[in-house]
Amino acid sequence: MKDWESATAKAEALGIRTVRLRIGVVLDPEGGALKEMLLPFRMHAGGPIGDGRQVMAWIHHEDMVQLLLLALDDDRVEGAVNAVAPHPVDMNTFAETLGKALGS
């Protein structure tokens, strides 16, 4: 990621407004990581990944879309932007919350 972000320096040096979105896991029940997690959790077989202490930076798909539109339309947005929810969670908390939301 460092190389990718460094490559934007050329555009910035030319005075071009540059936005570098640092995107977390995009959650959407219709696709991506969450869609793949739903079946195991609905079957009461889901759980945390790894030892559960890994931090998961996430963002809801609708928030991601709104952030993309803001970055395109608002000249005040520039540089690195963390495209994640304000409070990341560890995998234990995420798995527990998802299980409760699904009634597991």
N, C-alpha and C. Protein backbone atom coordinates (compact mmCIF):
# COMPACT_ATOMS: atom_id res chain seq x y z
N MET A 1 0.83 -1.18 0.00
CA MET A 1 0.00 0.00 0.00
C MET A 1 0.88 1.25 0.00
N LYS A 2 2.00 1.18 0.64
CA LYS A 2 2.88 2.34 0.68
C LYS A 2 3.28 2.77 -0.73
N ASP A 3 3.60 1.80 -1.60
CA ASP A 3 3.98 2.12 -2.97
C ASP A 3 2.83 2.79 -3.71
N TRP A 4 1.62 2.27 -3.52
CA TRP A 4 0.45 2.83 -4.19
C TRP A 4 0.23 4.27 -3.73
N GLU A 5 0.30 4.51 -2.45
CA GLU A 5 0.10 5.86 -1.94
C GLU A 5 1.23 6.79 -2.37
N SER A 6 2.43 6.29 -2.41
CA SER A 6 3.56 7.11 -2.85
C SER A 6 3.41 7.53 -4.30
N ALA A 7 2.80 6.68 -5.11
CA ALA A 7 2.62 6.99 -6.53
C ALA A 7 1.72 8.21 -6.73
N THR A 8 0.87 8.50 -5.76
CA THR A 8 -0.02 9.66 -5.89
C THR A 8 0.73 10.98 -5.70
N ALA A 9 1.93 10.92 -5.17
CA ALA A 9 2.71 12.15 -4.93
C ALA A 9 2.98 12.89 -6.24
N LYS A 10 3.10 12.17 -7.34
CA LYS A 10 3.34 12.81 -8.63
C LYS A 10 2.17 13.71 -9.02
N ALA A 11 0.96 13.23 -8.81
CA ALA A 11 -0.23 14.04 -9.12
C ALA A 11 -0.31 15.24 -8.19
N GLU A 12 -0.04 15.01 -6.93
CA GLU A 12 -0.08 16.11 -5.95
C GLU A 12 0.96 17.18 -6.30
N ALA A 13 2.13 16.76 -6.75
CA ALA A 13 3.18 17.72 -7.11
C ALA A 13 2.77 18.59 -8.29
N LEU A 14 1.87 18.07 -9.11
CA LEU A 14 1.36 18.85 -10.25
C LEU A 14 0.16 19.71 -9.87
N GLY A 15 -0.19 19.70 -8.58
CA GLY A 15 -1.32 20.51 -8.12
C GLY A 15 -2.67 19.86 -8.33
N ILE A 16 -2.68 18.58 -8.58
CA ILE A 16 -3.93 17.85 -8.78
C ILE A 16 -4.44 17.36 -7.43
N ARG A 17 -5.70 17.70 -7.15
CA ARG A 17 -6.29 17.22 -5.89
C ARG A 17 -6.32 15.70 -5.92
N THR A 18 -5.79 15.11 -4.89
CA THR A 18 -5.66 13.66 -4.83
C THR A 18 -6.28 13.15 -3.54
N VAL A 19 -7.08 12.11 -3.66
CA VAL A 19 -7.69 11.48 -2.50
C VAL A 19 -7.25 10.02 -2.49
N ARG A 20 -6.70 9.60 -1.35
CA ARG A 20 -6.27 8.21 -1.19
C ARG A 20 -7.18 7.56 -0.15
N LEU A 21 -8.15 6.80 -0.63
CA LEU A 21 -9.07 6.12 0.28
C LEU A 21 -8.43 4.87 0.84
N ARG A 22 -8.43 4.76 2.14
CA ARG A 22 -7.95 3.57 2.83
C ARG A 22 -9.20 2.80 3.26
N ILE A 23 -9.57 1.82 2.47
CA ILE A 23 -10.86 1.16 2.60
C ILE A 23 -10.78 -0.08 3.48
N GLY A 24 -11.68 -0.15 4.46
CA GLY A 24 -11.80 -1.32 5.30
C GLY A 24 -12.66 -2.37 4.62
N VAL A 25 -13.05 -3.39 5.35
CA VAL A 25 -13.92 -4.43 4.83
C VAL A 25 -15.29 -3.81 4.59
N VAL A 26 -15.76 -3.86 3.35
CA VAL A 26 -17.06 -3.28 3.01
C VAL A 26 -18.13 -4.34 3.29
N LEU A 27 -19.07 -4.00 4.19
CA LEU A 27 -20.10 -4.95 4.59
C LEU A 27 -21.40 -4.69 3.84
N ASP A 28 -21.87 -5.74 3.18
CA ASP A 28 -23.10 -5.69 2.42
C ASP A 28 -23.65 -7.12 2.38
N PRO A 29 -24.89 -7.32 2.82
CA PRO A 29 -25.41 -8.68 2.84
C PRO A 29 -25.59 -9.28 1.44
N GLU A 30 -25.52 -8.45 0.42
CA GLU A 30 -25.71 -8.93 -0.95
C GLU A 30 -24.40 -9.32 -1.63
N GLY A 31 -23.26 -9.07 -0.99
CA GLY A 31 -22.00 -9.41 -1.63
C GLY A 31 -20.82 -9.26 -0.70
N GLY A 32 -19.69 -9.68 -1.17
CA GLY A 32 -18.45 -9.52 -0.42
C GLY A 32 -18.34 -10.42 0.79
N ALA A 33 -17.54 -9.98 1.75
CA ALA A 33 -17.22 -10.79 2.92
C ALA A 33 -18.45 -11.14 3.75
N LEU A 34 -19.34 -10.17 3.97
CA LEU A 34 -20.51 -10.44 4.81
C LEU A 34 -21.41 -11.51 4.18
N LYS A 35 -21.62 -11.43 2.89
CA LYS A 35 -22.46 -12.44 2.23
C LYS A 35 -21.91 -13.84 2.46
N GLU A 36 -20.59 -13.97 2.41
CA GLU A 36 -19.96 -15.28 2.61
C GLU A 36 -20.08 -15.75 4.06
N MET A 37 -20.17 -14.82 4.99
CA MET A 37 -20.27 -15.17 6.41
C MET A 37 -21.69 -15.55 6.83
N LEU A 38 -22.69 -15.09 6.11
CA LEU A 38 -24.06 -15.25 6.56
C LEU A 38 -24.49 -16.72 6.68
N LEU A 39 -24.20 -17.54 5.70
CA LEU A 39 -24.65 -18.94 5.75
C LEU A 39 -24.08 -19.67 6.97
N PRO A 40 -22.78 -19.64 7.22
CA PRO A 40 -22.28 -20.34 8.40
C PRO A 40 -22.91 -19.81 9.70
N PHE A 41 -23.08 -18.50 9.80
CA PHE A 41 -23.67 -17.96 11.02
C PHE A 41 -25.13 -18.37 11.16
N ARG A 42 -25.85 -18.40 10.05
CA ARG A 42 -27.26 -18.84 10.10
C ARG A 42 -27.37 -20.32 10.47
N MET A 43 -26.32 -21.09 10.16
CA MET A 43 -26.30 -22.51 10.51
C MET A 43 -25.68 -22.73 11.89
N HIS A 44 -25.45 -21.65 12.63
CA HIS A 44 -24.84 -21.69 13.96
C HIS A 44 -23.43 -22.29 13.92
N ALA A 45 -22.73 -22.08 12.80
CA ALA A 45 -21.37 -22.60 12.65
C ALA A 45 -20.36 -21.47 12.46
N GLY A 46 -20.81 -20.23 12.49
CA GLY A 46 -19.90 -19.10 12.30
C GLY A 46 -19.19 -18.74 13.58
N GLY A 47 -18.10 -18.04 13.42
CA GLY A 47 -17.35 -17.61 14.59
C GLY A 47 -16.23 -16.69 14.17
N PRO A 48 -15.44 -16.25 15.13
CA PRO A 48 -14.35 -15.34 14.80
C PRO A 48 -13.28 -16.01 13.96
N ILE A 49 -12.60 -15.20 13.19
CA ILE A 49 -11.47 -15.68 12.39
C ILE A 49 -10.22 -15.61 13.26
N GLY A 50 -9.40 -16.64 13.19
CA GLY A 50 -8.17 -16.67 13.98
C GLY A 50 -8.47 -16.75 15.46
N ASP A 51 -7.66 -16.07 16.26
CA ASP A 51 -7.86 -16.14 17.70
C ASP A 51 -8.89 -15.10 18.19
N GLY A 52 -9.44 -14.33 17.27
CA GLY A 52 -10.50 -13.39 17.61
C GLY A 52 -10.02 -12.02 18.03
N ARG A 53 -8.73 -11.86 18.21
CA ARG A 53 -8.22 -10.56 18.66
C ARG A 53 -7.86 -9.64 17.51
N GLN A 54 -7.92 -10.14 16.27
CA GLN A 54 -7.58 -9.32 15.12
C GLN A 54 -8.61 -8.20 14.99
N VAL A 55 -8.11 -7.00 14.74
CA VAL A 55 -9.00 -5.85 14.58
C VAL A 55 -9.53 -5.82 13.16
N MET A 56 -10.81 -5.57 13.04
CA MET A 56 -11.43 -5.49 11.73
C MET A 56 -11.95 -4.08 11.52
N ALA A 57 -11.32 -3.36 10.61
CA ALA A 57 -11.80 -2.04 10.22
C ALA A 57 -12.84 -2.27 9.12
N TRP A 58 -14.04 -1.78 9.31
CA TRP A 58 -15.13 -2.07 8.40
C TRP A 58 -15.88 -0.79 8.05
N ILE A 59 -16.70 -0.90 6.99
CA ILE A 59 -17.56 0.20 6.59
C ILE A 59 -18.78 -0.40 5.90
N HIS A 60 -19.94 0.16 6.16
CA HIS A 60 -21.16 -0.30 5.49
C HIS A 60 -21.13 0.16 4.04
N HIS A 61 -21.68 -0.64 3.15
CA HIS A 61 -21.58 -0.30 1.72
C HIS A 61 -22.23 1.04 1.39
N GLU A 62 -23.34 1.39 2.05
CA GLU A 62 -23.97 2.68 1.77
C GLU A 62 -23.09 3.85 2.21
N ASP A 63 -22.40 3.69 3.33
CA ASP A 63 -21.47 4.73 3.78
C ASP A 63 -20.30 4.85 2.82
N MET A 64 -19.84 3.72 2.28
CA MET A 64 -18.74 3.74 1.33
C MET A 64 -19.13 4.51 0.08
N VAL A 65 -20.33 4.26 -0.42
CA VAL A 65 -20.80 4.97 -1.60
C VAL A 65 -20.88 6.47 -1.33
N GLN A 66 -21.42 6.84 -0.18
CA GLN A 66 -21.54 8.27 0.17
C GLN A 66 -20.16 8.91 0.29
N LEU A 67 -19.20 8.18 0.84
CA LEU A 67 -17.84 8.72 0.97
C LEU A 67 -17.19 8.89 -0.40
N LEU A 68 -17.41 7.95 -1.29
CA LEU A 68 -16.89 8.08 -2.65
C LEU A 68 -17.47 9.31 -3.34
N LEU A 69 -18.77 9.51 -3.20
CA LEU A 69 -19.41 10.68 -3.81
C LEU A 69 -18.87 11.97 -3.21
N LEU A 70 -18.69 11.99 -1.90
CA LEU A 70 -18.13 13.16 -1.24
C LEU A 70 -16.72 13.45 -1.76
N ALA A 71 -15.91 12.41 -1.86
CA ALA A 71 -14.52 12.58 -2.32
C ALA A 71 -14.48 13.11 -3.76
N LEU A 72 -15.43 12.71 -4.57
CA LEU A 72 -15.48 13.18 -5.95
C LEU A 72 -15.96 14.62 -6.06
N ASP A 73 -16.92 14.98 -5.22
CA ASP A 73 -17.61 16.26 -5.38
C ASP A 73 -17.09 17.41 -4.52
N ASP A 74 -16.44 17.10 -3.41
CA ASP A 74 -16.06 18.15 -2.46
C ASP A 74 -14.55 18.39 -2.53
N ASP A 75 -14.17 19.55 -3.02
CA ASP A 75 -12.75 19.89 -3.18
C ASP A 75 -12.00 19.96 -1.85
N ARG A 76 -12.72 20.03 -0.75
CA ARG A 76 -12.05 20.06 0.56
C ARG A 76 -11.49 18.70 0.96
N VAL A 77 -11.98 17.66 0.32
CA VAL A 77 -11.51 16.30 0.62
C VAL A 77 -10.25 16.05 -0.19
N GLU A 78 -9.15 15.78 0.51
CA GLU A 78 -7.90 15.46 -0.18
C GLU A 78 -6.98 14.71 0.76
N GLY A 79 -6.00 14.08 0.16
CA GLY A 79 -5.04 13.31 0.94
C GLY A 79 -5.59 11.96 1.35
N ALA A 80 -5.02 11.41 2.42
CA ALA A 80 -5.45 10.11 2.91
C ALA A 80 -6.75 10.23 3.68
N VAL A 81 -7.69 9.36 3.36
CA VAL A 81 -8.99 9.33 4.03
C VAL A 81 -9.25 7.88 4.44
N ASN A 82 -9.48 7.68 5.73
CA ASN A 82 -9.78 6.35 6.22
C ASN A 82 -11.26 6.06 5.99
N ALA A 83 -11.54 5.15 5.07
CA ALA A 83 -12.91 4.78 4.73
C ALA A 83 -13.33 3.59 5.59
N VAL A 84 -13.54 3.87 6.86
CA VAL A 84 -13.92 2.85 7.84
C VAL A 84 -14.86 3.47 8.86
N ALA A 85 -15.59 2.61 9.56
CA ALA A 85 -16.44 3.07 10.65
C ALA A 85 -15.56 3.67 11.74
N PRO A 86 -16.11 4.57 12.55
CA PRO A 86 -15.28 5.24 13.56
C PRO A 86 -14.76 4.32 14.65
N HIS A 87 -15.38 3.15 14.83
CA HIS A 87 -14.96 2.24 15.90
C HIS A 87 -14.72 0.84 15.35
N PRO A 88 -13.46 0.51 15.03
CA PRO A 88 -13.19 -0.86 14.57
C PRO A 88 -13.46 -1.83 15.72
N VAL A 89 -13.70 -3.08 15.37
CA VAL A 89 -13.97 -4.10 16.39
C VAL A 89 -13.01 -5.26 16.19
N ASP A 90 -12.80 -6.02 17.28
CA ASP A 90 -12.02 -7.24 17.11
C ASP A 90 -12.94 -8.32 16.58
N MET A 91 -12.35 -9.37 16.05
CA MET A 91 -13.14 -10.43 15.41
C MET A 91 -14.09 -11.11 16.39
N ASN A 92 -13.70 -11.24 17.67
CA ASN A 92 -14.61 -11.81 18.66
C ASN A 92 -15.89 -10.98 18.76
N THR A 93 -15.73 -9.67 18.86
CA THR A 93 -16.88 -8.78 18.98
C THR A 93 -17.71 -8.81 17.71
N PHE A 94 -17.06 -8.79 16.56
CA PHE A 94 -17.79 -8.83 15.30
C PHE A 94 -18.62 -10.12 15.19
N ALA A 95 -18.00 -11.26 15.48
CA ALA A 95 -18.69 -12.54 15.38
C ALA A 95 -19.86 -12.61 16.36
N GLU A 96 -19.65 -12.13 17.56
CA GLU A 96 -20.72 -12.14 18.56
C GLU A 96 -21.88 -11.24 18.12
N THR A 97 -21.56 -10.06 17.62
CA THR A 97 -22.59 -9.12 17.18
C THR A 97 -23.36 -9.67 15.98
N LEU A 98 -22.65 -10.25 15.01
CA LEU A 98 -23.31 -10.82 13.84
C LEU A 98 -24.21 -11.97 14.26
N GLY A 99 -23.72 -12.82 15.15
CA GLY A 99 -24.53 -13.93 15.63
C GLY A 99 -25.81 -13.46 16.30
N LYS A 100 -25.71 -12.43 17.14
CA LYS A 100 -26.89 -11.89 17.81
C LYS A 100 -27.86 -11.28 16.80
N ALA A 101 -27.31 -10.55 15.80
CA ALA A 101 -28.17 -9.91 14.80
C ALA A 101 -28.94 -10.96 13.99
N LEU A 102 -28.37 -12.14 13.83
CA LEU A 102 -29.02 -13.20 13.06
C LEU A 102 -29.80 -14.16 13.95
N GLY A 103 -29.80 -13.87 15.24
CA GLY A 103 -30.52 -14.74 16.17
C GLY A 103 -29.84 -16.05 16.43
N SER A 104 -28.52 -16.08 16.20
CA SER A 104 -27.76 -17.33 16.40
C SER A 104 -27.33 -17.47 17.85
